[in-house]
Amino acid sequence: MLVDSHCHLDYAPLSAELDAVVDRARAAGIGTMLTISTQLDRFPGVLEIAERFDDIWCSVGVHPHEASREPELTAKRLIDLSKHPKVIGIGETGLDYYYEHSPRDLQQQSFRAHITAARETGLPVIVHSRNAEVDTTRILVDEYMMGPYPGLLHCFSATRQLAENALEIDLRISFSGIVTFKNADEVREAVRIVPLDRILVETDAPYLAPIPHRGKINEPSFVTHTAAAVAELKGMPQEALWEATTENFFELFRKAEKPQK
């Protein structure tokens, strides 16, 4: 089996044909999916999806785009919501200085609250970083010095340096369909240098469909193409990459129950 470690099943158009999307994922060999929270007012819908399907789990968190919608967000609020048995991660959180839909100070404040929640619960923090490598690294390291926490950089699209910084504090790195894009040489270089036991794969569906589906609506079944590209870059059989990334997912997201073979 393969795991889609990051998708947004509550987003249109996936939500409108959810049963079909899940069926196609299962037919493609996707045995587990993690659907991600981006706003607390959307969290009930995210949780409802996770409760509906045995092979789908969810996170709780506020995307950096939405930080200004939750200016008083606290770690305690995240911790309380994470107690539900289907919630296995904190986020997605982080920094996005490309669009800057929320002020940088509020993004950073929210980011630190999520890391605190991850540290206190032991649930992995799911980190988004775009055009914000310096501040992302600074906050990750500052918080790590206050106490370790589990986590990963999702949808990695940055430089080798950020990957190395994350590895130094024992974070994992998740690769999306970007790894198949023509101009993604830096991402492919990161795949080559990240140890196999630190790699996860994802879709970030409905966004970033991999080649050969570029330009289409992405969905969890397409994570097989990302996995194939990562396996080729690592010089290993696809089956071995599936097995390794699945083990890595359940090692990191320890609250999730692995499906019975």
Protein backbone atom coordinates (compact mmCIF):
# COMPACT_ATOMS: atom_id res chain seq x y z
CA MET A 1 0.00 0.00 0.00
CA LEU A 2 0.88 3.66 -0.35
CA VAL A 3 -0.08 6.63 1.83
CA ASP A 4 -1.18 10.08 0.70
CA SER A 5 0.19 11.99 3.65
CA HIS A 6 -1.43 15.34 2.79
CA CYS A 7 -4.64 16.12 0.92
CA HIS A 8 -7.65 18.41 1.31
CA LEU A 9 -10.69 16.24 0.87
CA ASP A 10 -13.03 18.93 2.19
CA TYR A 11 -12.11 21.21 -0.72
CA ALA A 12 -14.15 21.43 -3.89
CA PRO A 13 -14.32 19.68 -6.27
CA LEU A 14 -13.09 16.63 -4.31
CA SER A 15 -15.78 17.07 -1.66
CA ALA A 16 -18.52 16.92 -4.29
CA GLU A 17 -17.55 13.40 -5.36
CA LEU A 18 -15.86 12.17 -2.23
CA ASP A 19 -16.96 8.53 -2.46
CA ALA A 20 -15.64 8.25 -6.01
CA VAL A 21 -12.36 9.96 -5.08
CA VAL A 22 -11.83 7.55 -2.19
CA ASP A 23 -12.75 4.55 -4.35
CA ARG A 24 -10.23 5.59 -7.02
CA ALA A 25 -7.55 6.01 -4.36
CA ARG A 26 -8.17 2.57 -2.94
CA ALA A 27 -8.15 1.04 -6.43
CA ALA A 28 -4.74 2.63 -7.02
CA GLY A 29 -3.35 1.04 -3.86
CA ILE A 30 -3.67 4.02 -1.52
CA GLY A 31 -4.37 2.44 1.85
CA THR A 32 -4.34 5.56 4.03
CA MET A 33 -5.02 9.26 3.53
CA LEU A 34 -4.48 12.25 5.79
CA THR A 35 -6.89 15.12 5.13
CA ILE A 36 -5.64 18.45 6.41
CA SER A 37 -7.23 21.24 8.42
CA THR A 38 -6.59 24.83 7.28
CA GLN A 39 -9.20 26.78 9.29
CA LEU A 40 -10.79 26.00 12.62
CA ASP A 41 -14.23 26.93 11.32
CA ARG A 42 -13.78 24.25 8.63
CA PHE A 43 -12.40 21.68 11.06
CA PRO A 44 -15.78 20.01 11.81
CA GLY A 45 -16.13 19.16 8.11
CA VAL A 46 -12.58 17.81 7.97
CA LEU A 47 -13.22 15.70 11.03
CA GLU A 48 -16.51 14.43 9.61
CA ILE A 49 -14.65 13.03 6.58
CA ALA A 50 -12.12 11.28 8.81
CA GLU A 51 -14.87 9.80 10.95
CA ARG A 52 -16.70 8.53 7.87
CA PHE A 53 -13.83 6.45 6.46
CA ASP A 54 -11.67 3.99 8.39
CA ASP A 55 -8.65 4.67 6.15
CA ILE A 56 -8.77 8.47 6.41
CA TRP A 57 -7.31 10.50 9.28
CA CYS A 58 -7.14 14.25 9.82
CA SER A 59 -5.18 17.08 11.38
CA VAL A 60 -6.24 20.23 13.21
CA GLY A 61 -4.71 23.60 12.48
CA VAL A 62 -4.73 26.98 10.78
CA HIS A 63 -2.92 27.59 7.49
CA PRO A 64 -0.65 30.66 7.47
CA HIS A 65 -2.96 32.25 4.89
CA GLU A 66 -5.69 32.16 7.54
CA ALA A 67 -3.66 33.34 10.55
CA SER A 68 -5.42 36.70 10.63
CA ARG A 69 -8.78 34.91 10.94
CA GLU A 70 -7.59 33.31 14.19
CA PRO A 71 -5.45 36.04 15.84
CA GLU A 72 -6.09 34.67 19.33
CA LEU A 73 -5.26 31.06 18.49
CA THR A 74 -3.64 29.23 21.39
CA ALA A 75 -1.79 25.97 21.75
CA LYS A 76 -4.42 24.93 24.30
CA ARG A 77 -7.20 25.27 21.71
CA LEU A 78 -5.29 23.05 19.30
CA ILE A 79 -4.47 20.55 22.04
CA ASP A 80 -8.11 20.28 23.08
CA LEU A 81 -9.27 19.65 19.51
CA SER A 82 -6.49 17.13 18.91
CA LYS A 83 -7.84 14.79 21.58
CA HIS A 84 -10.30 13.28 19.10
CA PRO A 85 -9.09 9.78 18.11
CA LYS A 86 -9.09 10.58 14.39
CA VAL A 87 -6.84 13.65 14.77
CA ILE A 88 -3.23 12.58 14.24
CA GLY A 89 -1.38 15.80 13.40
CA ILE A 90 -1.14 19.54 14.14
CA GLY A 91 -1.44 21.91 11.19
CA GLU A 92 -0.98 22.76 8.56
CA THR A 93 0.89 25.77 9.85
CA GLY A 94 4.03 27.66 8.93
CA LEU A 95 4.88 30.75 6.90
CA ASP A 96 3.87 31.95 3.44
CA TYR A 97 5.54 35.16 2.32
CA TYR A 98 4.62 34.63 -1.34
CA TYR A 99 0.99 35.67 -1.04
CA GLU A 100 1.09 37.17 2.48
CA HIS A 101 -2.65 36.84 2.95
CA SER A 102 -1.96 37.33 6.68
CA PRO A 103 0.60 39.64 8.33
CA ARG A 104 3.95 38.03 9.00
CA ASP A 105 3.82 38.61 12.75
CA LEU A 106 0.48 36.79 13.02
CA GLN A 107 1.78 33.93 10.86
CA GLN A 108 4.79 33.56 13.14
CA GLN A 109 2.67 33.73 16.29
CA SER A 110 0.34 31.04 14.94
CA PHE A 111 3.29 28.89 13.83
CA ARG A 112 4.75 28.90 17.33
CA ALA A 113 1.38 28.00 18.89
CA HIS A 114 1.16 24.96 16.61
CA ILE A 115 4.68 23.85 17.50
CA THR A 116 3.88 24.18 21.19
CA ALA A 117 0.81 22.00 20.67
CA ALA A 118 2.91 19.43 18.82
CA ARG A 119 5.50 19.38 21.59
CA GLU A 120 2.87 18.90 24.30
CA THR A 121 0.79 16.28 22.50
CA GLY A 122 3.55 14.41 20.68
CA LEU A 123 1.57 14.78 17.44
CA PRO A 124 3.61 15.89 14.41
CA VAL A 125 3.45 19.50 13.31
CA ILE A 126 2.78 19.83 9.56
CA VAL A 127 4.79 22.76 8.20
CA HIS A 128 4.08 24.86 5.11
CA SER A 129 6.90 27.14 3.97
CA ARG A 130 6.92 29.32 0.86
CA ASN A 131 9.36 32.19 0.24
CA ALA A 132 10.10 32.18 3.96
CA GLU A 133 13.10 29.90 4.44
CA VAL A 134 15.04 32.14 6.83
CA ASP A 135 12.16 32.72 9.25
CA THR A 136 10.93 29.12 8.92
CA THR A 137 14.37 27.82 9.91
CA ARG A 138 14.73 30.36 12.71
CA ILE A 139 11.40 29.45 14.31
CA LEU A 140 11.85 25.70 13.86
CA VAL A 141 15.29 25.81 15.51
CA ASP A 142 14.29 28.27 18.24
CA GLU A 143 11.37 26.06 19.22
CA TYR A 144 13.45 22.90 19.01
CA MET A 145 15.92 24.38 21.49
CA MET A 146 13.01 24.78 23.92
CA GLY A 147 12.21 21.10 23.56
CA PRO A 148 12.05 18.60 20.70
CA TYR A 149 8.86 17.97 18.79
CA PRO A 150 7.91 15.70 15.87
CA GLY A 151 7.06 17.16 12.50
CA LEU A 152 7.57 17.40 8.78
CA LEU A 153 7.95 19.92 6.00
CA HIS A 154 5.05 19.20 3.68
CA CYS A 155 4.96 19.74 -0.10
CA PHE A 156 8.66 20.53 -0.14
CA SER A 157 9.43 23.19 -2.73
CA ALA A 158 12.42 24.98 -1.23
CA THR A 159 16.19 24.64 -1.37
CA ARG A 160 18.56 21.93 -0.27
CA GLN A 161 19.58 24.17 2.63
CA LEU A 162 16.10 24.16 4.16
CA ALA A 163 15.97 20.39 3.79
CA GLU A 164 19.28 20.03 5.58
CA ASN A 165 18.17 22.41 8.35
CA ALA A 166 15.02 20.36 8.88
CA LEU A 167 16.94 17.10 8.97
CA GLU A 168 19.24 18.49 11.65
CA ILE A 169 16.30 18.78 14.04
CA ASP A 170 14.92 15.37 13.08
CA LEU A 171 12.00 16.53 10.94
CA ARG A 172 10.68 14.51 8.01
CA ILE A 173 10.16 15.85 4.48
CA SER A 174 7.17 15.16 2.27
CA PHE A 175 7.36 15.45 -1.51
CA SER A 176 4.41 16.24 -3.79
CA GLY A 177 3.78 16.25 -7.52
CA ILE A 178 6.15 19.21 -7.79
CA VAL A 179 8.97 16.67 -8.00
CA THR A 180 7.71 15.75 -11.49
CA PHE A 181 7.64 19.36 -12.78
CA LYS A 182 10.12 20.40 -15.46
CA ASN A 183 11.71 23.26 -13.52
CA ALA A 184 11.84 21.58 -10.10
CA ASP A 185 15.55 20.71 -10.12
CA GLU A 186 16.10 21.93 -6.56
CA VAL A 187 13.27 19.74 -5.29
CA ARG A 188 14.73 16.73 -7.08
CA GLU A 189 18.11 17.51 -5.54
CA ALA A 190 16.45 17.50 -2.11
CA VAL A 191 14.97 14.05 -2.82
CA ARG A 192 18.46 12.75 -3.58
CA ILE A 193 19.98 14.01 -0.32
CA VAL A 194 17.13 13.25 2.10
CA PRO A 195 17.62 9.82 3.72
CA LEU A 196 15.00 7.27 2.72
CA ASP A 197 13.78 6.88 6.31
CA ARG A 198 12.83 10.60 6.39
CA ILE A 199 10.74 10.74 3.20
CA LEU A 200 6.95 10.84 2.83
CA VAL A 201 4.87 11.41 -0.31
CA GLU A 202 1.68 13.40 -0.79
CA THR A 203 -0.63 15.01 -3.31
CA ASP A 204 -1.71 18.26 -1.62
CA ALA A 205 -4.89 17.54 -3.60
CA PRO A 206 -6.77 19.19 -5.20
CA TYR A 207 -3.63 21.18 -6.08
CA LEU A 208 -0.34 20.39 -7.86
CA ALA A 209 -1.32 17.37 -9.92
CA PRO A 210 1.83 15.51 -11.02
CA ILE A 211 2.81 14.76 -14.57
CA PRO A 212 1.05 13.11 -16.48
CA HIS A 213 -1.98 14.82 -14.92
CA ARG A 214 -0.50 18.33 -14.83
CA GLY A 215 -3.24 20.95 -15.12
CA LYS A 216 -5.98 18.62 -13.90
CA ILE A 217 -7.65 18.46 -10.51
CA ASN A 218 -5.33 16.48 -8.26
CA GLU A 219 -6.60 13.62 -6.13
CA PRO A 220 -5.09 11.00 -3.79
CA SER A 221 -4.83 8.28 -6.45
CA PHE A 222 -2.28 10.44 -8.29
CA VAL A 223 0.26 10.09 -5.46
CA THR A 224 1.46 6.95 -7.27
CA HIS A 225 3.09 9.18 -9.90
CA THR A 226 4.94 11.17 -7.25
CA ALA A 227 6.09 7.95 -5.62
CA ALA A 228 7.35 6.66 -8.97
CA ALA A 229 9.38 9.84 -9.53
CA VAL A 230 10.87 9.68 -6.03
CA ALA A 231 11.76 6.00 -6.47
CA GLU A 232 13.54 6.78 -9.74
CA LEU A 233 15.53 9.59 -8.11
CA LYS A 234 16.50 7.30 -5.24
CA GLY A 235 17.45 4.52 -7.68
CA MET A 236 15.17 1.95 -6.11
CA PRO A 237 12.16 -0.19 -7.09
CA GLN A 238 8.78 1.47 -6.74
CA GLU A 239 7.54 -1.28 -4.44
CA ALA A 240 10.39 -0.59 -2.02
CA LEU A 241 9.63 3.12 -2.05
CA TRP A 242 5.95 2.41 -1.32
CA GLU A 243 6.92 0.22 1.62
CA ALA A 244 9.45 2.68 3.03
CA THR A 245 7.25 5.76 2.83
CA THR A 246 4.32 3.87 4.35
CA GLU A 247 6.48 2.78 7.28
CA ASN A 248 7.78 6.33 7.63
CA PHE A 249 4.23 7.69 7.79
CA PHE A 250 3.14 5.38 10.58
CA GLU A 251 6.40 5.90 12.44
CA LEU A 252 5.78 9.65 12.43
CA PHE A 253 1.99 9.69 12.81
CA ARG A 254 1.93 7.15 15.59
CA LYS A 255 -1.66 7.80 16.57
CA ALA A 256 -2.88 6.46 13.21
CA GLU A 257 -3.76 2.80 13.03
CA LYS A 258 -2.06 0.87 10.25
CA PRO A 259 -4.53 -1.11 8.11
CA GLN A 260 -4.45 -4.84 8.49
CA LYS A 261 -2.84 -6.61 5.52
